[in-house]
Amino acid sequence: MNYSKIKTGVYVCHCGTNIAATVDVAAVAEFARGLDGVVLSRDYTYMCSDPGQDLIKKDIAEYGLNRVVVASCTPLMHEPTFRRACAEGGLNPFFFQMANIREHCSWVVNNREQATNKAESLVAAAVERVHFHHSLDMRKVRMTPAALVVGGGIAGIEAALKLANADKQVYLVERESSIGGHMAQLYKTFPTLDCAA
């Protein structure tokens, strides 16, 4: 990999005390400075805050960053936040990578040294991975909000009802002449002795 053109910024979040109480975030940021392609590494109290996002945007412009790694909480919660910050800073949002050091380190490892070492490993992996990212563009396509449920047993009926209640068009397909599956063959159900049909 040619690292000469890669300029990665690494941001390690304290998440208040959620991460910083267990992980030495300053040590993780210092460790990241020595990784290939990393030109900037910082730790910050709340990266997802407006000032944290502004820090990313400012650094993209000032240091010419073309990759960004944030080590913080779950991507499920804040990956869209940081991708948006990268895009607002002028960087393709897909040149961003997240390392989950809250759920994968600070919340599951009690030993501070071990948690810090694991966080460093996750950051190193994220930095290496982001080097291989490509510029992508979002596209919108028309779609029909419909679903096909195969099997008209109890699970299929329940799935079809849930989808229909979510305002989706549902097609329920059953190979037998009636729905209900094995349940329809029973006389009564235990323990209430309700009619199975």
C-alpha atoms as a PDB file:
ATOM      1  CA  MET A   1       0.000   0.000   0.000  1.00  0.00           C
ATOM      2  CA  ASN A   2       1.334   3.438  -0.930  1.00  0.00           C
ATOM      3  CA  TYR A   3       0.876   5.531   2.207  1.00  0.00           C
ATOM      4  CA  SER A   4       2.496   8.655   0.746  1.00  0.00           C
ATOM      5  CA  LYS A   5      -0.844   9.967  -0.537  1.00  0.00           C
ATOM      6  CA  ILE A   6      -2.843   8.921   2.535  1.00  0.00           C
ATOM      7  CA  LYS A   7      -3.492  11.597   5.154  1.00  0.00           C
ATOM      8  CA  THR A   8      -5.529  10.094   7.968  1.00  0.00           C
ATOM      9  CA  GLY A   9      -6.907  11.951  10.950  1.00  0.00           C
ATOM     10  CA  VAL A  10      -7.664   9.849  14.040  1.00  0.00           C
ATOM     11  CA  TYR A  11     -10.056  11.058  16.741  1.00  0.00           C
ATOM     12  CA  VAL A  12     -10.396   9.197  20.034  1.00  0.00           C
ATOM     13  CA  CYS A  13     -13.511  10.018  22.048  1.00  0.00           C
ATOM     14  CA  HIS A  14     -13.684  10.035  25.842  1.00  0.00           C
ATOM     15  CA  CYS A  15     -17.489   9.630  25.670  1.00  0.00           C
ATOM     16  CA  GLY A  16     -17.555  11.466  28.989  1.00  0.00           C
ATOM     17  CA  THR A  17     -16.376   8.719  31.320  1.00  0.00           C
ATOM     18  CA  ASN A  18     -17.955   5.868  29.346  1.00  0.00           C
ATOM     19  CA  ILE A  19     -14.644   5.242  27.578  1.00  0.00           C
ATOM     20  CA  ALA A  20     -12.139   7.366  29.490  1.00  0.00           C
ATOM     21  CA  ALA A  21     -12.862   5.657  32.820  1.00  0.00           C
ATOM     22  CA  THR A  22     -11.452   2.387  31.464  1.00  0.00           C
ATOM     23  CA  VAL A  23      -9.372   3.274  28.387  1.00  0.00           C
ATOM     24  CA  ASP A  24      -6.404   5.655  28.467  1.00  0.00           C
ATOM     25  CA  VAL A  25      -7.644   7.710  25.510  1.00  0.00           C
ATOM     26  CA  ALA A  26      -4.589   9.988  25.466  1.00  0.00           C
ATOM     27  CA  ALA A  27      -2.346   6.920  25.135  1.00  0.00           C
ATOM     28  CA  VAL A  28      -4.522   5.567  22.298  1.00  0.00           C
ATOM     29  CA  ALA A  29      -4.296   8.909  20.480  1.00  0.00           C
ATOM     30  CA  GLU A  30      -0.517   8.947  20.975  1.00  0.00           C
ATOM     31  CA  PHE A  31      -0.288   5.364  19.676  1.00  0.00           C
ATOM     32  CA  ALA A  32      -2.306   6.312  16.569  1.00  0.00           C
ATOM     33  CA  ARG A  33       0.189   9.082  15.707  1.00  0.00           C
ATOM     34  CA  GLY A  34       2.763   6.399  14.903  1.00  0.00           C
ATOM     35  CA  LEU A  35       0.576   4.476  12.448  1.00  0.00           C
ATOM     36  CA  ASP A  36       1.249   4.591   8.704  1.00  0.00           C
ATOM     37  CA  GLY A  37      -0.589   7.371   6.938  1.00  0.00           C
ATOM     38  CA  VAL A  38      -1.707   9.128  10.132  1.00  0.00           C
ATOM     39  CA  VAL A  39      -0.884  12.839  10.042  1.00  0.00           C
ATOM     40  CA  LEU A  40      -3.052  13.915  12.962  1.00  0.00           C
ATOM     41  CA  SER A  41      -4.403  12.238  16.087  1.00  0.00           C
ATOM     42  CA  ARG A  42      -6.494  13.840  18.817  1.00  0.00           C
ATOM     43  CA  ASP A  43      -8.565  12.860  21.820  1.00  0.00           C
ATOM     44  CA  TYR A  44     -11.707  14.810  22.636  1.00  0.00           C
ATOM     45  CA  THR A  45     -14.380  14.597  25.338  1.00  0.00           C
ATOM     46  CA  TYR A  46     -17.427  14.188  23.092  1.00  0.00           C
ATOM     47  CA  MET A  47     -16.620  13.685  19.407  1.00  0.00           C
ATOM     48  CA  CYS A  48     -20.316  13.456  18.484  1.00  0.00           C
ATOM     49  CA  SER A  49     -20.964  16.959  19.855  1.00  0.00           C
ATOM     50  CA  ASP A  50     -21.118  19.922  17.489  1.00  0.00           C
ATOM     51  CA  PRO A  51     -17.626  21.128  18.557  1.00  0.00           C
ATOM     52  CA  GLY A  52     -16.274  17.589  18.023  1.00  0.00           C
ATOM     53  CA  GLN A  53     -17.724  17.451  14.527  1.00  0.00           C
ATOM     54  CA  ASP A  54     -16.448  20.970  13.812  1.00  0.00           C
ATOM     55  CA  LEU A  55     -12.975  19.779  14.818  1.00  0.00           C
ATOM     56  CA  ILE A  56     -13.119  17.097  12.104  1.00  0.00           C
ATOM     57  CA  LYS A  57     -14.331  19.590   9.485  1.00  0.00           C
ATOM     58  CA  LYS A  58     -11.633  22.123  10.401  1.00  0.00           C
ATOM     59  CA  ASP A  59      -8.881  19.495  10.313  1.00  0.00           C
ATOM     60  CA  ILE A  60      -9.982  18.191   6.902  1.00  0.00           C
ATOM     61  CA  ALA A  61      -9.507  21.697   5.500  1.00  0.00           C
ATOM     62  CA  GLU A  62      -6.384  22.637   7.460  1.00  0.00           C
ATOM     63  CA  TYR A  63      -4.420  19.381   7.163  1.00  0.00           C
ATOM     64  CA  GLY A  64      -5.811  18.115   3.850  1.00  0.00           C
ATOM     65  CA  LEU A  65      -7.091  14.917   5.450  1.00  0.00           C
ATOM     66  CA  ASN A  66      -8.342  12.357   2.964  1.00  0.00           C
ATOM     67  CA  ARG A  67      -9.241   9.676   5.512  1.00  0.00           C
ATOM     68  CA  VAL A  68     -10.893   9.972   8.940  1.00  0.00           C
ATOM     69  CA  VAL A  69     -11.070   7.434  11.771  1.00  0.00           C
ATOM     70  CA  VAL A  70     -13.142   8.016  14.895  1.00  0.00           C
ATOM     71  CA  ALA A  71     -12.694   5.700  17.863  1.00  0.00           C
ATOM     72  CA  SER A  72     -15.783   6.083  19.997  1.00  0.00           C
ATOM     73  CA  CYS A  73     -19.060   4.246  20.523  1.00  0.00           C
ATOM     74  CA  THR A  74     -21.159   2.047  18.267  1.00  0.00           C
ATOM     75  CA  PRO A  75     -21.336   2.884  14.551  1.00  0.00           C
ATOM     76  CA  LEU A  76     -25.037   2.075  14.796  1.00  0.00           C
ATOM     77  CA  MET A  77     -25.470   5.263  16.791  1.00  0.00           C
ATOM     78  CA  HIS A  78     -23.047   7.775  15.275  1.00  0.00           C
ATOM     79  CA  GLU A  79     -21.624   6.562  11.954  1.00  0.00           C
ATOM     80  CA  PRO A  80     -24.141   8.738  10.044  1.00  0.00           C
ATOM     81  CA  THR A  81     -23.173  11.692  12.264  1.00  0.00           C
ATOM     82  CA  PHE A  82     -19.477  11.416  11.435  1.00  0.00           C
ATOM     83  CA  ARG A  83     -20.044  10.647   7.767  1.00  0.00           C
ATOM     84  CA  ARG A  84     -22.119  13.815   7.542  1.00  0.00           C
ATOM     85  CA  ALA A  85     -19.359  15.799   9.288  1.00  0.00           C
ATOM     86  CA  CYS A  86     -16.814  14.453   6.770  1.00  0.00           C
ATOM     87  CA  ALA A  87     -19.086  15.382   3.862  1.00  0.00           C
ATOM     88  CA  GLU A  88     -19.643  18.880   5.278  1.00  0.00           C
ATOM     89  CA  GLY A  89     -15.855  19.186   5.582  1.00  0.00           C
ATOM     90  CA  GLY A  90     -15.462  18.396   1.879  1.00  0.00           C
ATOM     91  CA  LEU A  91     -14.432  14.734   2.182  1.00  0.00           C
ATOM     92  CA  ASN A  92     -16.294  11.843   0.586  1.00  0.00           C
ATOM     93  CA  PRO A  93     -18.204  10.338   3.540  1.00  0.00           C
ATOM     94  CA  PHE A  94     -17.069   6.840   2.584  1.00  0.00           C
ATOM     95  CA  PHE A  95     -13.465   7.729   3.425  1.00  0.00           C
ATOM     96  CA  PHE A  96     -14.528   7.410   7.057  1.00  0.00           C
ATOM     97  CA  GLN A  97     -14.063   4.435   9.390  1.00  0.00           C
ATOM     98  CA  MET A  98     -15.230   3.941  12.955  1.00  0.00           C
ATOM     99  CA  ALA A  99     -13.683   1.867  15.754  1.00  0.00           C
ATOM    100  CA  ASN A 100     -16.071   0.889  18.545  1.00  0.00           C
ATOM    101  CA  ILE A 101     -13.951   1.220  21.679  1.00  0.00           C
ATOM    102  CA  ARG A 102     -16.899   1.716  24.031  1.00  0.00           C
ATOM    103  CA  GLU A 103     -18.879  -1.509  23.573  1.00  0.00           C
ATOM    104  CA  HIS A 104     -15.823  -3.537  22.502  1.00  0.00           C
ATOM    105  CA  CYS A 105     -13.362  -2.234  25.119  1.00  0.00           C
ATOM    106  CA  SER A 106     -14.439  -0.027  27.979  1.00  0.00           C
ATOM    107  CA  TRP A 107     -17.756  -1.750  28.676  1.00  0.00           C
ATOM    108  CA  VAL A 108     -16.395  -5.308  28.537  1.00  0.00           C
ATOM    109  CA  VAL A 109     -12.804  -5.104  29.811  1.00  0.00           C
ATOM    110  CA  ASN A 110     -12.200  -4.173  33.458  1.00  0.00           C
ATOM    111  CA  ASN A 111      -8.410  -3.929  33.337  1.00  0.00           C
ATOM    112  CA  ARG A 112      -7.335  -0.449  32.148  1.00  0.00           C
ATOM    113  CA  GLU A 113      -4.115  -1.640  30.514  1.00  0.00           C
ATOM    114  CA  GLN A 114      -5.866  -4.468  28.651  1.00  0.00           C
ATOM    115  CA  ALA A 115      -8.710  -2.165  27.577  1.00  0.00           C
ATOM    116  CA  THR A 116      -6.198   0.399  26.313  1.00  0.00           C
ATOM    117  CA  ASN A 117      -4.233  -2.264  24.405  1.00  0.00           C
ATOM    118  CA  LYS A 118      -7.426  -3.561  22.810  1.00  0.00           C
ATOM    119  CA  ALA A 119      -8.489  -0.019  21.874  1.00  0.00           C
ATOM    120  CA  GLU A 120      -5.088   0.518  20.237  1.00  0.00           C
ATOM    121  CA  SER A 121      -5.545  -2.689  18.235  1.00  0.00           C
ATOM    122  CA  LEU A 122      -9.014  -1.634  17.076  1.00  0.00           C
ATOM    123  CA  VAL A 123      -7.749   1.807  16.073  1.00  0.00           C
ATOM    124  CA  ALA A 124      -4.828   0.265  14.168  1.00  0.00           C
ATOM    125  CA  ALA A 125      -7.245  -2.018  12.317  1.00  0.00           C
ATOM    126  CA  ALA A 126      -9.552   0.909  11.468  1.00  0.00           C
ATOM    127  CA  VAL A 127      -6.625   3.001  10.214  1.00  0.00           C
ATOM    128  CA  GLU A 128      -5.427   0.140   8.025  1.00  0.00           C
ATOM    129  CA  ARG A 129      -8.926  -0.550   6.718  1.00  0.00           C
ATOM    130  CA  VAL A 130      -9.702   3.061   5.801  1.00  0.00           C
ATOM    131  CA  HIS A 131      -6.632   3.084   3.517  1.00  0.00           C
ATOM    132  CA  PHE A 132      -8.479   0.697   1.199  1.00  0.00           C
ATOM    133  CA  HIS A 133     -11.744   2.644   1.032  1.00  0.00           C
ATOM    134  CA  HIS A 134     -12.901   4.003  -2.316  1.00  0.00           C
ATOM    135  CA  SER A 135     -14.889   7.095  -3.122  1.00  0.00           C
ATOM    136  CA  LEU A 136     -18.568   6.195  -3.375  1.00  0.00           C
ATOM    137  CA  ASP A 137     -21.647   8.209  -4.251  1.00  0.00           C
ATOM    138  CA  MET A 138     -25.124   7.824  -2.808  1.00  0.00           C
ATOM    139  CA  ARG A 139     -27.860   7.158  -5.329  1.00  0.00           C
ATOM    140  CA  LYS A 140     -31.593   7.177  -4.926  1.00  0.00           C
ATOM    141  CA  VAL A 141     -33.695   4.607  -6.719  1.00  0.00           C
ATOM    142  CA  ARG A 142     -37.413   4.167  -6.810  1.00  0.00           C
ATOM    143  CA  MET A 143     -38.682   1.170  -4.931  1.00  0.00           C
ATOM    144  CA  THR A 144     -41.982  -0.466  -4.178  1.00  0.00           C
ATOM    145  CA  PRO A 145     -42.477  -0.971  -0.452  1.00  0.00           C
ATOM    146  CA  ALA A 146     -43.685  -4.547  -0.814  1.00  0.00           C
ATOM    147  CA  ALA A 147     -42.674  -7.884   0.658  1.00  0.00           C
ATOM    148  CA  LEU A 148     -43.117 -11.525  -0.276  1.00  0.00           C
ATOM    149  CA  VAL A 149     -43.658 -13.923   2.614  1.00  0.00           C
ATOM    150  CA  VAL A 150     -43.166 -17.573   1.693  1.00  0.00           C
ATOM    151  CA  GLY A 151     -45.134 -19.962   3.901  1.00  0.00           C
ATOM    152  CA  GLY A 152     -48.530 -19.424   5.442  1.00  0.00           C
ATOM    153  CA  GLY A 153     -47.826 -21.060   8.776  1.00  0.00           C
ATOM    154  CA  ILE A 154     -47.990 -19.207  12.075  1.00  0.00           C
ATOM    155  CA  ALA A 155     -44.602 -17.529  11.521  1.00  0.00           C
ATOM    156  CA  GLY A 156     -45.510 -16.502   7.969  1.00  0.00           C
ATOM    157  CA  ILE A 157     -48.890 -15.142   9.022  1.00  0.00           C
ATOM    158  CA  GLU A 158     -47.293 -13.192  11.880  1.00  0.00           C
ATOM    159  CA  ALA A 159     -44.593 -11.767   9.575  1.00  0.00           C
ATOM    160  CA  ALA A 160     -47.214 -10.785   6.983  1.00  0.00           C
ATOM    161  CA  LEU A 161     -49.326  -9.026   9.634  1.00  0.00           C
ATOM    162  CA  LYS A 162     -46.329  -7.113  11.009  1.00  0.00           C
ATOM    163  CA  LEU A 163     -45.352  -5.956   7.523  1.00  0.00           C
ATOM    164  CA  ALA A 164     -48.936  -4.999   6.658  1.00  0.00           C
ATOM    165  CA  ASN A 165     -49.209  -3.006   9.890  1.00  0.00           C
ATOM    166  CA  ALA A 166     -46.064  -1.148   8.777  1.00  0.00           C
ATOM    167  CA  ASP A 167     -47.940  -0.035   5.626  1.00  0.00           C
ATOM    168  CA  LYS A 168     -46.177  -2.452   3.293  1.00  0.00           C
ATOM    169  CA  GLN A 169     -47.864  -4.338   0.467  1.00  0.00           C
ATOM    170  CA  VAL A 170     -47.588  -8.026   1.411  1.00  0.00           C
ATOM    171  CA  TYR A 171     -47.825 -11.104  -0.788  1.00  0.00           C
ATOM    172  CA  LEU A 172     -48.297 -14.280   1.270  1.00  0.00           C
ATOM    173  CA  VAL A 173     -47.564 -17.467  -0.654  1.00  0.00           C
ATOM    174  CA  GLU A 174     -48.565 -20.908   0.626  1.00  0.00           C
ATOM    175  CA  ARG A 175     -48.205 -24.187  -1.283  1.00  0.00           C
ATOM    176  CA  GLU A 176     -51.134 -25.862   0.492  1.00  0.00           C
ATOM    177  CA  SER A 177     -54.781 -25.060  -0.169  1.00  0.00           C
ATOM    178  CA  SER A 178     -55.171 -23.265   3.182  1.00  0.00           C
ATOM    179  CA  ILE A 179     -53.007 -21.279   5.565  1.00  0.00           C
ATOM    180  CA  GLY A 180     -52.181 -22.121   9.164  1.00  0.00           C
ATOM    181  CA  GLY A 181     -49.500 -24.767   8.710  1.00  0.00           C
ATOM    182  CA  HIS A 182     -49.215 -27.416  11.416  1.00  0.00           C
ATOM    183  CA  MET A 183     -51.215 -25.268  13.821  1.00  0.00           C
ATOM    184  CA  ALA A 184     -54.333 -25.628  11.662  1.00  0.00           C
ATOM    185  CA  GLN A 185     -54.079 -29.412  12.062  1.00  0.00           C
ATOM    186  CA  LEU A 186     -54.316 -29.266  15.865  1.00  0.00           C
ATOM    187  CA  TYR A 187     -57.570 -29.549  17.771  1.00  0.00           C
ATOM    188  CA  LYS A 188     -56.683 -27.461  20.837  1.00  0.00           C
ATOM    189  CA  THR A 189     -53.600 -25.679  22.163  1.00  0.00           C
ATOM    190  CA  PHE A 190     -51.927 -26.182  25.520  1.00  0.00           C
ATOM    191  CA  PRO A 191     -52.233 -24.857  28.225  1.00  0.00           C
ATOM    192  CA  THR A 192     -55.315 -22.737  27.496  1.00  0.00           C
ATOM    193  CA  LEU A 193     -57.065 -25.399  25.406  1.00  0.00           C
ATOM    194  CA  ASP A 194     -58.033 -22.729  22.890  1.00  0.00           C
ATOM    195  CA  CYS A 195     -59.198 -23.855  19.480  1.00  0.00           C
ATOM    196  CA  ALA A 196     -56.083 -24.088  17.296  1.00  0.00           C
ATOM    197  CA  ALA A 197     -57.850 -22.809  14.202  1.00  0.00           C
END
